[in-house]
Protein backbone atom coordinates (compact mmCIF):
# COMPACT_ATOMS: atom_id res chain seq x y z
CA UNK A 1 -18.31 10.88 15.33
CA UNK A 2 -15.59 9.57 13.01
CA UNK A 3 -12.84 7.49 14.61
CA UNK A 4 -9.33 8.20 13.26
CA UNK A 5 -7.25 5.02 13.06
CA UNK A 6 -4.44 3.43 11.06
CA UNK A 7 -4.29 0.13 9.19
CA UNK A 8 -2.20 -2.56 10.89
CA UNK A 9 0.18 -4.70 8.84
CA UNK A 10 0.49 -8.49 9.12
CA UNK A 11 2.63 -8.07 12.26
CA UNK A 12 -0.07 -6.00 13.97
CA UNK A 13 2.01 -2.81 13.68
CA UNK A 14 0.56 0.42 12.36
CA UNK A 15 1.12 1.45 8.76
CA UNK A 16 1.30 5.12 7.89
CA UNK A 17 -2.17 4.83 6.35
CA UNK A 18 -4.86 6.78 8.22
CA UNK A 19 -8.54 5.86 8.04
CA UNK A 20 -11.76 7.16 9.59
CA UNK A 21 -14.68 4.90 10.45
CA UNK A 22 -18.35 5.49 11.20
CA UNK A 23 -21.38 3.22 10.77
CA UNK A 24 -21.50 2.10 7.14
CA UNK A 25 -18.57 4.33 6.10
CA UNK A 26 -14.82 3.88 5.73
CA UNK A 27 -12.58 6.77 4.63
CA UNK A 28 -8.94 6.36 3.59
CA UNK A 29 -7.00 9.62 3.86
CA UNK A 30 -4.97 10.85 0.89
CA UNK A 31 -1.22 10.71 0.58
CA UNK A 32 0.60 14.04 0.61
CA UNK A 33 4.04 15.62 0.64
CA UNK A 34 7.08 14.85 -1.49
CA UNK A 35 8.78 11.47 -1.09
CA UNK A 36 11.53 11.76 1.51
CA UNK A 37 10.38 15.16 2.77
CA UNK A 38 9.63 15.73 6.48
CA UNK A 39 6.01 16.69 5.71
CA UNK A 40 5.11 13.48 3.89
CA UNK A 41 1.89 11.92 5.22
CA UNK A 42 0.19 8.57 4.69
CA UNK A 43 3.24 7.26 2.84
CA UNK A 44 1.83 3.69 3.08
CA UNK A 45 -1.30 4.75 1.17
CA UNK A 46 -0.99 2.11 -1.59
CA UNK A 47 -0.24 -0.70 0.84
CA UNK A 48 -3.12 0.48 3.02
CA UNK A 49 -5.59 0.48 0.12
CA UNK A 50 -4.50 -2.96 -1.04
CA UNK A 51 -4.84 -4.27 2.52
CA UNK A 52 -8.29 -2.73 2.98
CA UNK A 53 -9.59 -4.27 -0.24
CA UNK A 54 -8.15 -7.70 0.54
CA UNK A 55 -9.52 -7.76 4.08
CA UNK A 56 -12.97 -6.52 3.09
CA UNK A 57 -13.22 -9.31 0.50
CA UNK A 58 -11.83 -11.94 2.88
CA UNK A 59 -14.43 -10.95 5.47
CA UNK A 60 -17.19 -11.04 2.82
CA UNK A 61 -18.16 -7.40 3.21
CA UNK A 62 -20.51 -6.04 0.58
CA UNK A 63 -18.97 -2.89 -0.89
CA UNK A 64 -21.81 -0.68 -2.09
CA UNK A 65 -19.41 1.73 -3.80
CA UNK A 66 -16.39 4.00 -3.42
CA UNK A 67 -15.86 7.64 -4.37
CA UNK A 68 -13.04 10.16 -4.39
CA UNK A 69 -13.77 12.34 -1.36
CA UNK A 70 -11.10 15.04 -1.62
CA UNK A 71 -12.37 18.52 -0.73
CA UNK A 72 -11.34 19.88 -4.13
CA UNK A 73 -13.68 17.55 -6.03
CA UNK A 74 -16.61 17.33 -3.60
CA UNK A 75 -18.46 19.90 -5.72
CA UNK A 76 -18.61 17.33 -8.53
CA UNK A 77 -21.64 15.02 -8.83
CA UNK A 78 -21.18 11.63 -7.21
CA UNK A 79 -21.28 9.82 -10.54
CA UNK A 80 -18.26 11.85 -11.76
CA UNK A 81 -16.09 10.82 -8.84
CA UNK A 82 -17.23 7.23 -8.43
CA UNK A 83 -14.30 4.80 -8.70
CA UNK A 84 -15.92 1.52 -7.62
CA UNK A 85 -19.43 0.19 -8.23
CA UNK A 86 -21.31 -2.97 -7.32
CA UNK A 87 -21.04 -3.98 -10.98
CA UNK A 88 -17.24 -4.23 -10.59
CA UNK A 89 -17.68 -7.13 -8.16
CA UNK A 90 -16.85 -9.93 -7.66
CA UNK A 91 -13.16 -9.39 -8.34
CA UNK A 92 -9.80 -9.89 -6.68
CA UNK A 93 -8.31 -7.20 -4.47
CA UNK A 94 -5.44 -6.68 -6.94
CA UNK A 95 -7.89 -6.15 -9.80
CA UNK A 96 -9.93 -3.68 -7.75
CA UNK A 97 -6.80 -1.79 -6.69
CA UNK A 98 -5.69 -1.33 -10.31
CA UNK A 99 -9.19 -0.35 -11.42
CA UNK A 100 -9.68 2.19 -8.63
CA UNK A 101 -6.22 3.71 -9.09
CA UNK A 102 -6.83 4.23 -12.81
CA UNK A 103 -10.25 5.78 -12.29
CA UNK A 104 -8.96 7.94 -9.43
CA UNK A 105 -6.42 9.57 -11.74
CA UNK A 106 -9.20 10.85 -13.99
CA UNK A 107 -11.31 12.43 -11.24
CA UNK A 108 -10.80 16.20 -11.27
CA UNK A 109 -8.00 15.96 -13.82
CA UNK A 110 -7.39 18.97 -16.03
CA UNK A 111 -8.64 18.51 -19.63
CA UNK A 112 -5.13 19.50 -20.77
CA UNK A 113 -3.45 16.69 -18.81
CA UNK A 114 -1.99 13.91 -20.91
CA UNK A 115 -3.06 10.23 -20.76
CA UNK A 116 -1.98 8.44 -17.61
CA UNK A 117 -1.41 11.70 -15.71
CA UNK A 118 -3.21 12.36 -12.47
CA UNK A 119 -3.14 11.64 -8.75
CA UNK A 120 -3.95 8.06 -7.73
CA UNK A 121 -3.48 8.65 -3.98
CA UNK A 122 -6.62 10.64 -3.20
CA UNK A 123 -8.98 10.51 -0.23
CA UNK A 124 -11.49 7.67 -0.75
CA UNK A 125 -14.91 7.09 0.83
CA UNK A 126 -16.26 3.51 0.91
CA UNK A 127 -19.92 2.70 1.47
CA UNK A 128 -20.31 -0.44 3.61
CA UNK A 129 -24.04 -0.39 4.22
CA UNK A 130 -25.38 -2.16 7.29
CA UNK A 131 -22.00 -2.52 9.00
CA UNK A 132 -21.27 -1.03 12.39
CA UNK A 133 -18.10 0.92 13.13
CA UNK A 134 -16.81 -1.94 15.27
CA UNK A 135 -17.40 -4.50 12.50
CA UNK A 136 -15.51 -2.36 9.98
CA UNK A 137 -12.60 -1.77 12.38
CA UNK A 138 -12.24 -5.50 13.07
CA UNK A 139 -12.53 -6.46 9.40
CA UNK A 140 -9.87 -4.08 8.07
CA UNK A 141 -7.50 -4.57 11.01
CA UNK A 142 -7.47 -0.93 12.12
CA UNK A 143 -5.79 0.14 15.36
CA UNK A 144 -5.62 3.45 17.27
CA UNK A 145 -3.32 6.00 15.71
CA UNK A 146 -1.40 6.20 18.97
CA UNK A 147 0.09 2.75 18.18
CA UNK A 148 2.44 4.30 15.64
CA UNK A 149 5.69 4.89 17.49
CA UNK A 150 7.47 2.43 15.25
CA UNK A 151 6.79 4.61 12.17
CA UNK A 152 9.29 7.17 13.42
CA UNK A 153 12.01 4.48 13.60
CA UNK A 154 11.15 2.91 10.25
CA UNK A 155 13.87 2.95 7.63
CA UNK A 156 13.28 5.25 4.65
CA UNK A 157 12.67 3.66 1.26
CA UNK A 158 15.95 4.99 -0.17
CA UNK A 159 17.88 2.95 2.41
CA UNK A 160 15.79 -0.18 1.86
CA UNK A 161 16.45 0.07 -1.87
CA UNK A 162 20.13 -0.61 -1.22
CA UNK A 163 19.13 -4.27 -0.98
CA UNK A 164 20.27 -6.09 -4.14
CA UNK A 165 19.33 -9.49 -5.61
CA UNK A 166 22.69 -10.75 -4.27
CA UNK A 167 21.70 -9.86 -0.69
CA UNK A 168 18.31 -11.54 -1.16
CA UNK A 169 19.96 -14.70 -2.53
CA UNK A 170 22.35 -14.78 0.44
CA UNK A 171 19.44 -14.35 2.85
CA UNK A 172 17.49 -17.21 1.27
CA UNK A 173 20.60 -19.43 1.39
CA UNK A 174 21.16 -18.64 5.08
CA UNK A 175 17.52 -19.27 6.00
CA UNK A 176 17.55 -22.54 4.00
CA UNK A 177 20.64 -23.70 5.89
CA UNK A 178 19.95 -22.38 9.39
CA UNK A 179 16.18 -21.97 9.49
CA UNK A 180 14.07 -18.99 10.52
CA UNK A 181 14.92 -17.05 13.63
CA UNK A 182 12.31 -16.23 16.23
CA UNK A 183 12.24 -12.51 15.46
CA UNK A 184 10.11 -12.55 12.30
CA UNK A 185 8.28 -15.85 12.44
CA UNK A 186 5.94 -17.31 9.84
CA UNK A 187 4.06 -15.20 7.31
CA UNK A 188 0.30 -14.73 7.54
CA UNK A 189 -0.84 -13.61 4.08
CA UNK A 190 1.88 -14.15 1.46
CA UNK A 191 4.85 -16.42 0.76
CA UNK A 192 8.01 -15.95 -1.26
CA UNK A 193 8.49 -18.80 -3.72
CA UNK A 194 12.15 -19.76 -4.21
CA UNK A 195 13.62 -21.13 -7.43
CA UNK A 196 13.31 -24.58 -5.88
CA UNK A 197 9.62 -24.13 -5.10
CA UNK A 198 10.10 -23.64 -1.35
CA UNK A 199 7.80 -21.16 0.43
CA UNK A 200 9.45 -18.67 2.81
CA UNK A 201 8.13 -15.65 4.76
CA UNK A 202 8.84 -12.61 2.55
CA UNK A 203 9.40 -10.22 5.46
CA UNK A 204 11.91 -12.55 7.13
CA UNK A 205 13.87 -12.91 3.89
CA UNK A 206 13.92 -9.18 3.24
CA UNK A 207 14.78 -8.31 6.84
CA UNK A 208 17.88 -10.53 6.74
CA UNK A 209 18.83 -9.20 3.28
CA UNK A 210 18.48 -5.62 4.51
CA UNK A 211 20.65 -6.39 7.54
CA UNK A 212 23.34 -7.62 5.14
CA UNK A 213 22.99 -4.64 2.80
CA UNK A 214 23.07 -2.00 5.55
CA UNK A 215 25.51 -3.85 7.81
CA UNK A 216 23.22 -3.31 10.79
CA UNK A 217 20.29 -5.06 12.41
CA UNK A 218 16.95 -4.62 10.61
CA UNK A 219 13.98 -5.95 12.57
CA UNK A 220 10.25 -6.36 11.82
CA UNK A 221 9.45 -2.84 13.00
CA UNK A 222 12.03 -1.26 10.69
CA UNK A 223 9.94 -1.67 7.52
CA UNK A 224 6.53 -2.66 6.20
CA UNK A 225 5.75 -5.67 4.06
CA UNK A 226 2.92 -6.13 1.59
CA UNK A 227 2.04 -5.45 -2.00
CA UNK A 228 3.24 -2.01 -3.05
CA UNK A 229 6.01 -1.77 -0.42
CA UNK A 230 9.75 -1.61 -1.20
CA UNK A 231 10.05 -5.01 0.51
CA UNK A 232 7.79 -6.87 -1.94
CA UNK A 233 8.88 -4.71 -4.88
CA UNK A 234 12.57 -5.60 -4.45
CA UNK A 235 11.87 -9.30 -3.82
CA UNK A 236 9.89 -9.47 -7.06
CA UNK A 237 12.50 -7.51 -9.02
CA UNK A 238 15.09 -10.02 -7.79
CA UNK A 239 13.14 -12.69 -9.66
CA UNK A 240 11.00 -14.24 -6.92
CA UNK A 241 7.27 -14.76 -6.96
CA UNK A 242 5.12 -13.49 -4.09
CA UNK A 243 2.07 -15.73 -3.79
CA UNK A 244 -0.95 -15.71 -1.52
CA UNK A 245 -1.04 -18.39 1.15
CA UNK A 246 -3.91 -20.22 -0.52
CA UNK A 247 -2.53 -19.94 -4.07
CA UNK A 248 -1.50 -23.22 -5.68
CA UNK A 249 1.70 -23.02 -7.75
CA UNK A 250 3.38 -25.31 -10.23
CA UNK A 251 6.74 -26.69 -9.18
CA UNK A 252 8.62 -25.81 -12.36
CA UNK A 253 8.21 -23.62 -15.38
CA UNK A 254 7.70 -25.52 -18.67
CA UNK A 255 10.73 -25.80 -20.93
CA UNK A 256 10.85 -24.09 -24.30
CA UNK A 257 11.10 -26.06 -27.55
CA UNK A 258 14.84 -25.31 -27.75
CA UNK A 259 15.33 -26.43 -24.17
CA UNK A 260 13.49 -29.71 -24.80
CA UNK A 261 15.68 -30.44 -27.83
CA UNK A 262 18.79 -29.92 -25.74
CA UNK A 263 17.81 -32.09 -22.76
CA UNK A 264 16.02 -34.80 -24.83
CA UNK A 265 14.29 -36.14 -21.75
CA UNK A 266 17.50 -36.53 -19.71
CA UNK A 267 16.31 -35.83 -16.14
CA UNK A 268 19.72 -34.59 -14.98
CA UNK A 269 19.93 -32.11 -17.84
CA UNK A 270 16.37 -31.00 -17.13
CA UNK A 271 17.31 -30.35 -13.49
CA UNK A 272 20.50 -28.56 -14.56
CA UNK A 273 18.67 -26.33 -17.03
CA UNK A 274 15.92 -25.42 -14.61
CA UNK A 275 18.52 -24.39 -12.04
CA UNK A 276 20.08 -22.08 -14.61
CA UNK A 277 16.67 -20.68 -15.56
CA UNK A 278 15.87 -19.72 -11.95
CA UNK A 279 15.26 -15.97 -12.00
CA UNK A 280 16.43 -15.46 -8.43
CA UNK A 281 19.69 -17.28 -9.10
CA UNK A 282 20.32 -15.36 -12.33
CA UNK A 283 19.58 -11.96 -10.79
CA UNK A 284 21.84 -12.67 -7.80
CA UNK A 285 24.78 -13.77 -9.94
CA UNK A 286 24.50 -10.75 -12.23
CA UNK A 287 24.31 -8.39 -9.22
CA UNK A 288 27.44 -10.01 -7.75
CA UNK A 289 29.25 -9.82 -11.11
CA UNK A 290 28.44 -6.12 -11.53
CA UNK A 291 29.61 -5.41 -7.97
CA UNK A 292 32.91 -7.15 -8.70
CA UNK A 293 33.55 -5.90 -12.26
CA UNK A 294 31.40 -2.80 -12.62
CA UNK A 295 29.58 -4.15 -15.69
CA UNK A 296 28.30 -7.33 -17.32
CA UNK A 297 30.34 -9.12 -19.98
CA UNK A 298 30.78 -12.68 -21.27
CA UNK A 299 33.43 -14.54 -19.28
CA UNK A 300 34.27 -16.74 -22.28
CA UNK A 301 34.49 -14.42 -25.30
CA UNK A 302 34.72 -11.14 -23.32
CA UNK A 303 31.89 -9.57 -25.36
CA UNK A 304 30.49 -6.45 -23.63
CA UNK A 305 26.80 -6.18 -24.58
CA UNK A 306 26.34 -2.49 -23.76
CA UNK A 307 29.16 -1.59 -26.14
CA UNK A 308 27.92 -3.94 -28.87
CA UNK A 309 24.23 -2.96 -28.72
CA UNK A 310 24.61 0.63 -27.56
CA UNK A 311 22.39 0.57 -24.46
CA UNK A 312 21.67 -1.29 -21.23
CA UNK A 313 19.08 -3.51 -22.93
CA UNK A 314 21.99 -5.39 -24.45
CA UNK A 315 22.61 -6.96 -21.04
CA UNK A 316 19.64 -9.24 -21.75
CA UNK A 317 21.96 -11.47 -23.81
CA UNK A 318 24.10 -12.31 -20.76
CA UNK A 319 22.94 -15.57 -19.20
CA UNK A 320 24.01 -17.57 -16.17
CA UNK A 321 25.66 -20.98 -16.55
CA UNK A 322 26.45 -23.57 -13.87
CA UNK A 323 30.04 -24.62 -14.54
CA UNK A 324 31.58 -25.78 -11.27
CA UNK A 325 29.73 -29.02 -10.57
CA UNK A 326 29.25 -31.68 -13.22
CA UNK A 327 25.63 -32.30 -14.07
CA UNK A 328 26.12 -35.98 -13.29
CA UNK A 329 27.01 -35.06 -9.70
CA UNK A 330 23.96 -32.88 -9.12
CA UNK A 331 21.18 -34.46 -7.12
CA UNK A 332 17.84 -32.97 -6.16
CA UNK A 333 19.26 -31.35 -3.02
CA UNK A 334 22.39 -29.92 -4.67
CA UNK A 335 23.05 -26.44 -3.29
CA UNK A 336 24.25 -23.89 -5.84
CA UNK A 337 26.70 -21.18 -4.79
CA UNK A 338 27.22 -18.00 -6.77
CA UNK A 339 30.89 -18.90 -7.20
CA UNK A 340 29.73 -22.02 -9.09
CA UNK A 341 28.24 -19.85 -11.84
CA UNK A 342 29.54 -17.99 -14.88
CA UNK A 343 28.10 -15.13 -16.90
CA UNK A 344 28.07 -16.08 -20.59
CA UNK A 345 26.61 -14.46 -23.68
CA UNK A 346 23.77 -16.41 -25.29
CA UNK A 347 26.04 -17.73 -28.06
CA UNK A 348 28.74 -19.01 -25.70
CA UNK A 349 26.07 -20.45 -23.40
CA UNK A 350 24.51 -22.43 -26.23
CA UNK A 351 27.97 -23.59 -27.39
CA UNK A 352 28.80 -24.73 -23.86
CA UNK A 353 25.58 -26.72 -23.70
CA UNK A 354 26.45 -28.36 -27.03
CA UNK A 355 29.82 -29.45 -25.62
CA UNK A 356 28.07 -30.82 -22.56
CA UNK A 357 25.64 -32.70 -24.78
CA UNK A 358 28.56 -34.22 -26.73
CA UNK A 359 29.95 -35.56 -23.45
CA UNK A 360 26.79 -36.61 -21.61
CA UNK A 361 26.92 -37.45 -17.90
CA UNK A 362 27.57 -41.09 -17.06
């Protein structure tokens, strides 16, 4: 008899991702219903699939194959609905997720459908030969479906998406100054990498940022974390890297040829430039500037890129410059505030750097 369970997240709380387990078999239910509608089901499907793949690989399970198992396509031969084979391994969980999602779209797709069209949230059947139901349940971190009361109180994605890069920057600053509270605790699978190379728990950062954005308390049970969730999506869009616990990372991005000419080996200028190049810092300042002024423009020459170039892509020429604190006064632990920054067009930014170079720090 199949056991109906849900996948638990890193906090041990149930995701809205239903699975069934029997000896040698794992089934992930499909996602259904329109986003935001009351009849939506398995809305954490993508996060659930990513989590299943990662945990199966971490626990060294041999995956004999996976097939689309939706009732509508069960009349098709197995080879026409196979989305994972032994030949696809070994591979990372992210690679397998992308591969399976792409193949899933093609299963049962109408011949008239255009490229890239199709459902990538279908019911999936994994073959895990030789594994008992209990072994599979333990490996994938499944829990009884009754442990799902927190799903009803979870915040909808449209509310979570009110979190801006400015809120995330403020949350990181507060955690850096005051430390982590006891509510979220340390991360188990992934870290957020700050512009300064510090690792922080992604869920703790996002929870504090969401509390700021919504002006109300947002706790661990209010949202899910993991690849494919609004939490990780918004952290990454704000310019921060999400890295696995075991992943080694370089401390600083290499400078471009133009950057190297400007700094000419001066360590203070190198530090200054790398602060300005921090994607999290830049995204936060631009979000704050838009909130205050309604649009991006150069604070020096007043050029408005959307008007000049005719579309939003013109905003790419607005860069962030650290103007408040002299480079000579910046040490390795200097804390940047958004008020210390200016939004400049690329031309004015380069001109400002030339002036700084003419009057080098003492």
